[in-house]
Amino acid sequence: MFAFLTPLVLLLNGLAAGVLFGTQLGGFPYLASLPADRYVHAHAFFGTRYDPAMPLCLLGTVGCDVTLAFVAPEPVARAAFAVAAVLAAATAVISVAKNVPVNRWMRTLDPENLPADFADRDPRLDWGAWNRRRSLLTIAALLVNCAALGVLL
């Protein structure tokens, strides 16, 4: 099981970290620069593609890390996998509590007929700040997972 879970956790965590890193480099700066109607349209486009995959990657990372925290042969690696599990779980909590509600709301909006108070409710700054936090947490989890593997090599 250990030989299967170690590359799997790196794959899942790497995919999640890569997507979130990509949002920091280009996705969010692009969305933040758009007029409101184009932002709503683009956000819905991205959301329908990332929303199905990201929960699988994050929850898979947490599950693999928790298991590896118990089965890894070295105590330092077990501790590192446990830390990575906490970091990935924190990412999932932020996603569910802060980002998912915005994503759901955005999917209900018609870009051609935005609410009159959209400028006051525009979620970009808050969404971007929470996305930055979860990006850092996921990248940190990947670094810790890589360090755990390094201990085992």
Protein backbone atom coordinates (compact mmCIF):
# COMPACT_ATOMS: atom_id res chain seq x y z
CA MET A 1 0.00 0.00 0.00
CA PHE A 2 2.82 2.40 0.87
CA ALA A 3 4.42 1.98 -2.57
CA PHE A 4 1.08 2.88 -4.21
CA LEU A 5 0.09 5.80 -1.94
CA THR A 6 3.36 7.71 -2.05
CA PRO A 7 3.34 8.47 -5.78
CA LEU A 8 -0.44 8.92 -5.67
CA VAL A 9 -0.26 11.61 -2.98
CA LEU A 10 2.43 13.43 -4.96
CA LEU A 11 0.31 13.24 -8.10
CA LEU A 12 -2.90 14.46 -6.45
CA ASN A 13 -1.21 17.14 -4.37
CA GLY A 14 0.88 18.22 -7.36
CA LEU A 15 -2.19 18.58 -9.56
CA ALA A 16 -4.00 20.65 -6.92
CA ALA A 17 -0.95 22.81 -6.25
CA GLY A 18 -0.37 23.29 -9.97
CA VAL A 19 -3.92 24.43 -10.62
CA LEU A 20 -3.86 26.82 -7.67
CA PHE A 21 -0.40 28.11 -8.61
CA GLY A 22 -1.71 28.71 -12.12
CA THR A 23 -4.61 30.73 -10.75
CA GLN A 24 -2.13 32.95 -8.94
CA LEU A 25 0.03 33.46 -12.01
CA GLY A 26 -2.65 34.12 -14.57
CA GLY A 27 -6.18 33.00 -13.79
CA PHE A 28 -7.03 35.41 -11.01
CA PRO A 29 -5.11 38.41 -12.41
CA TYR A 30 -7.01 37.91 -15.65
CA LEU A 31 -10.39 37.61 -13.90
CA ALA A 32 -9.65 40.65 -11.73
CA SER A 33 -8.94 42.76 -14.83
CA LEU A 34 -12.23 42.02 -16.58
CA PRO A 35 -15.37 44.16 -16.60
CA ALA A 36 -18.11 42.67 -14.39
CA ASP A 37 -20.12 40.98 -17.14
CA ARG A 38 -17.08 39.34 -18.71
CA TYR A 39 -15.82 38.34 -15.25
CA VAL A 40 -19.07 36.50 -14.45
CA HIS A 41 -18.92 34.69 -17.78
CA ALA A 42 -15.23 33.75 -17.42
CA HIS A 43 -15.63 32.69 -13.78
CA ALA A 44 -18.45 30.32 -14.74
CA PHE A 45 -16.30 28.91 -17.54
CA PHE A 46 -13.37 28.18 -15.20
CA GLY A 47 -15.58 26.91 -12.40
CA THR A 48 -17.23 24.20 -14.46
CA ARG A 49 -13.82 22.81 -15.34
CA TYR A 50 -11.99 23.01 -12.02
CA ASP A 51 -14.82 22.29 -9.58
CA PRO A 52 -15.16 18.59 -10.40
CA ALA A 53 -11.42 17.88 -10.30
CA MET A 54 -10.15 19.94 -7.39
CA PRO A 55 -12.20 18.26 -4.63
CA LEU A 56 -10.97 14.87 -5.81
CA CYS A 57 -7.37 16.03 -5.76
CA LEU A 58 -7.63 17.70 -2.35
CA LEU A 59 -9.61 14.98 -0.62
CA GLY A 60 -7.39 12.35 -2.21
CA THR A 61 -4.34 14.20 -0.91
CA VAL A 62 -5.78 14.32 2.60
CA GLY A 63 -6.75 10.64 2.51
CA CYS A 64 -3.38 9.50 1.22
CA ASP A 65 -1.47 11.71 3.67
CA VAL A 66 -3.50 10.50 6.65
CA THR A 67 -2.88 6.89 5.67
CA LEU A 68 0.82 7.53 5.05
CA ALA A 69 1.07 9.22 8.45
CA PHE A 70 0.32 5.78 9.90
CA VAL A 71 2.07 3.42 7.50
CA ALA A 72 5.28 5.21 6.44
CA PRO A 73 8.32 3.30 7.70
CA GLU A 74 10.16 6.31 9.15
CA PRO A 75 8.88 8.45 12.07
CA VAL A 76 10.04 11.71 10.44
CA ALA A 77 8.19 10.82 7.24
CA ARG A 78 5.07 9.90 9.22
CA ALA A 79 5.16 13.29 10.93
CA ALA A 80 5.68 15.08 7.62
CA PHE A 81 2.76 13.26 6.00
CA ALA A 82 0.61 14.25 9.00
CA VAL A 83 1.59 17.91 8.57
CA ALA A 84 0.84 17.72 4.85
CA ALA A 85 -2.57 16.22 5.65
CA VAL A 86 -3.37 19.16 7.93
CA LEU A 87 -2.26 21.67 5.27
CA ALA A 88 -4.34 19.97 2.57
CA ALA A 89 -7.32 19.70 4.92
CA ALA A 90 -7.05 23.43 5.66
CA THR A 91 -7.15 24.04 1.92
CA ALA A 92 -10.31 21.95 1.64
CA VAL A 93 -11.94 23.83 4.53
CA ILE A 94 -11.18 27.19 2.92
CA SER A 95 -12.49 25.90 -0.39
CA VAL A 96 -15.78 24.73 1.10
CA ALA A 97 -16.29 27.71 3.41
CA LYS A 98 -15.07 30.60 1.27
CA ASN A 99 -14.60 29.75 -2.40
CA VAL A 100 -17.37 27.25 -3.18
CA PRO A 101 -20.21 29.56 -2.05
CA VAL A 102 -18.91 32.28 -4.36
CA ASN A 103 -18.56 29.81 -7.23
CA ARG A 104 -22.15 28.63 -6.72
CA TRP A 105 -23.48 32.19 -6.59
CA MET A 106 -21.57 33.14 -9.72
CA ARG A 107 -23.18 30.26 -11.64
CA THR A 108 -26.63 31.70 -10.86
CA LEU A 109 -25.84 35.07 -12.44
CA ASP A 110 -26.67 36.12 -15.96
CA PRO A 111 -23.71 38.14 -17.31
CA GLU A 112 -26.12 40.12 -19.49
CA ASN A 113 -28.38 41.02 -16.56
CA LEU A 114 -26.27 41.46 -13.42
CA PRO A 115 -27.91 42.52 -10.15
CA ALA A 116 -27.98 46.28 -9.66
CA ASP A 117 -25.82 45.93 -6.55
CA PHE A 118 -23.20 43.69 -8.18
CA ALA A 119 -20.48 46.32 -7.77
CA ASP A 120 -21.08 46.24 -4.01
CA ARG A 121 -21.22 42.43 -3.94
CA ASP A 122 -18.38 41.78 -6.41
CA PRO A 123 -16.54 38.86 -4.78
CA ARG A 124 -13.21 39.22 -6.56
CA LEU A 125 -11.15 40.74 -3.75
CA ASP A 126 -12.33 38.32 -1.07
CA TRP A 127 -12.31 35.32 -3.40
CA GLY A 128 -8.81 36.22 -4.57
CA ALA A 129 -7.50 36.59 -1.02
CA TRP A 130 -8.91 33.23 0.06
CA ASN A 131 -7.67 31.61 -3.14
CA ARG A 132 -4.18 32.96 -2.42
CA ARG A 133 -4.29 31.42 1.08
CA ARG A 134 -5.39 28.04 -0.17
CA SER A 135 -2.77 28.17 -2.93
CA LEU A 136 -0.03 28.75 -0.35
CA LEU A 137 -1.35 25.95 1.86
CA THR A 138 -1.53 23.47 -1.01
CA ILE A 139 1.94 24.35 -2.25
CA ALA A 140 3.23 24.01 1.32
CA ALA A 141 1.59 20.58 1.55
CA LEU A 142 3.34 19.57 -1.66
CA LEU A 143 6.70 20.75 -0.33
CA VAL A 144 6.16 18.79 2.89
CA ASN A 145 5.08 15.70 0.94
CA CYS A 146 8.22 15.97 -1.18
CA ALA A 147 10.32 16.32 1.98
CA ALA A 148 8.64 13.22 3.46
CA LEU A 149 9.49 11.29 0.33
CA GLY A 150 13.03 12.62 0.49
CA VAL A 151 13.41 11.18 3.97
CA LEU A 152 12.35 7.80 2.63
CA LEU A 153 14.71 7.75 -0.36
